[in-house]
Amino acid sequence: MIGTTEALIIGGIVVLLFGAKKLPELAKSMGQSKAAFNEGLKEGPSLEEDEDKDDTD
């Protein structure tokens, strides 16, 4: 697992790369992406069934 020191170093690097003003926006977009990914996982098998139905028409 990651320790406290490593987490602080990674956090510092992220702040340097993106800047403190961009972090809330970055966190929001990551949360939206995760939610969309999870929703896609729930709907995954039904998409394949829909494709099969289109082929029979």
C-alpha atoms as a PDB file:
ATOM      1  CA  MET A   1       0.000   0.000   0.000  1.00  0.00           C
ATOM      2  CA  ILE A   2       0.953   3.625  -0.403  1.00  0.00           C
ATOM      3  CA  GLY A   3       2.309   5.368   2.677  1.00  0.00           C
ATOM      4  CA  THR A   4       1.737   8.899   3.884  1.00  0.00           C
ATOM      5  CA  THR A   5       5.041  10.165   2.511  1.00  0.00           C
ATOM      6  CA  GLU A   6       4.397   8.721  -0.928  1.00  0.00           C
ATOM      7  CA  ALA A   7       0.852  10.164  -0.997  1.00  0.00           C
ATOM      8  CA  LEU A   8       2.185  13.622  -0.110  1.00  0.00           C
ATOM      9  CA  ILE A   9       4.854  13.427  -2.818  1.00  0.00           C
ATOM     10  CA  ILE A  10       2.303  12.335  -5.430  1.00  0.00           C
ATOM     11  CA  GLY A  11      -0.079  15.094  -4.291  1.00  0.00           C
ATOM     12  CA  GLY A  12       2.687  17.673  -4.569  1.00  0.00           C
ATOM     13  CA  ILE A  13       3.548  16.553  -8.086  1.00  0.00           C
ATOM     14  CA  VAL A  14      -0.123  16.742  -9.106  1.00  0.00           C
ATOM     15  CA  VAL A  15      -0.389  20.285  -7.737  1.00  0.00           C
ATOM     16  CA  LEU A  16       2.758  21.289  -9.624  1.00  0.00           C
ATOM     17  CA  LEU A  17       1.513  19.768 -12.878  1.00  0.00           C
ATOM     18  CA  PHE A  18      -2.073  21.031 -12.840  1.00  0.00           C
ATOM     19  CA  GLY A  19      -2.010  23.985 -10.461  1.00  0.00           C
ATOM     20  CA  ALA A  20      -4.175  24.473  -7.391  1.00  0.00           C
ATOM     21  CA  LYS A  21      -6.934  26.255  -9.324  1.00  0.00           C
ATOM     22  CA  LYS A  22      -7.437  23.323 -11.723  1.00  0.00           C
ATOM     23  CA  LEU A  23      -7.674  20.573  -9.074  1.00  0.00           C
ATOM     24  CA  PRO A  24     -11.415  20.949  -8.261  1.00  0.00           C
ATOM     25  CA  GLU A  25     -12.244  20.912 -11.973  1.00  0.00           C
ATOM     26  CA  LEU A  26     -10.027  17.869 -12.485  1.00  0.00           C
ATOM     27  CA  ALA A  27     -11.625  16.022  -9.560  1.00  0.00           C
ATOM     28  CA  LYS A  28     -15.124  16.801 -10.856  1.00  0.00           C
ATOM     29  CA  SER A  29     -14.340  15.531 -14.341  1.00  0.00           C
ATOM     30  CA  MET A  30     -12.768  12.364 -12.926  1.00  0.00           C
ATOM     31  CA  GLY A  31     -15.907  11.746 -10.853  1.00  0.00           C
ATOM     32  CA  GLN A  32     -18.143  12.228 -13.887  1.00  0.00           C
ATOM     33  CA  SER A  33     -15.959   9.881 -15.923  1.00  0.00           C
ATOM     34  CA  LYS A  34     -16.111   7.223 -13.205  1.00  0.00           C
ATOM     35  CA  ALA A  35     -19.896   7.538 -12.981  1.00  0.00           C
ATOM     36  CA  ALA A  36     -20.240   7.206 -16.762  1.00  0.00           C
ATOM     37  CA  PHE A  37     -17.910   4.199 -16.768  1.00  0.00           C
ATOM     38  CA  ASN A  38     -19.896   2.480 -14.021  1.00  0.00           C
ATOM     39  CA  GLU A  39     -23.152   3.194 -15.870  1.00  0.00           C
ATOM     40  CA  GLY A  40     -21.638   1.706 -19.012  1.00  0.00           C
ATOM     41  CA  LEU A  41     -20.685  -1.436 -17.120  1.00  0.00           C
ATOM     42  CA  LYS A  42     -24.277  -1.848 -15.930  1.00  0.00           C
ATOM     43  CA  GLU A  43     -25.657  -1.451 -19.456  1.00  0.00           C
ATOM     44  CA  GLY A  44     -22.953  -3.468 -21.225  1.00  0.00           C
ATOM     45  CA  PRO A  45     -24.738  -6.788 -21.883  1.00  0.00           C
ATOM     46  CA  SER A  46     -27.937  -5.093 -23.081  1.00  0.00           C
ATOM     47  CA  LEU A  47     -25.967  -3.285 -25.802  1.00  0.00           C
ATOM     48  CA  GLU A  48     -24.833  -6.586 -27.298  1.00  0.00           C
ATOM     49  CA  GLU A  49     -28.429  -7.849 -27.358  1.00  0.00           C
ATOM     50  CA  ASP A  50     -29.528  -4.683 -29.165  1.00  0.00           C
ATOM     51  CA  GLU A  51     -26.862  -5.245 -31.827  1.00  0.00           C
ATOM     52  CA  ASP A  52     -28.090  -8.795 -32.404  1.00  0.00           C
ATOM     53  CA  LYS A  53     -31.647  -7.518 -32.858  1.00  0.00           C
ATOM     54  CA  ASP A  54     -30.486  -5.049 -35.506  1.00  0.00           C
ATOM     55  CA  ASP A  55     -28.821  -7.815 -37.507  1.00  0.00           C
ATOM     56  CA  THR A  56     -32.064  -9.809 -37.820  1.00  0.00           C
ATOM     57  CA  ASP A  57     -34.051  -6.984 -39.431  1.00  0.00           C
END
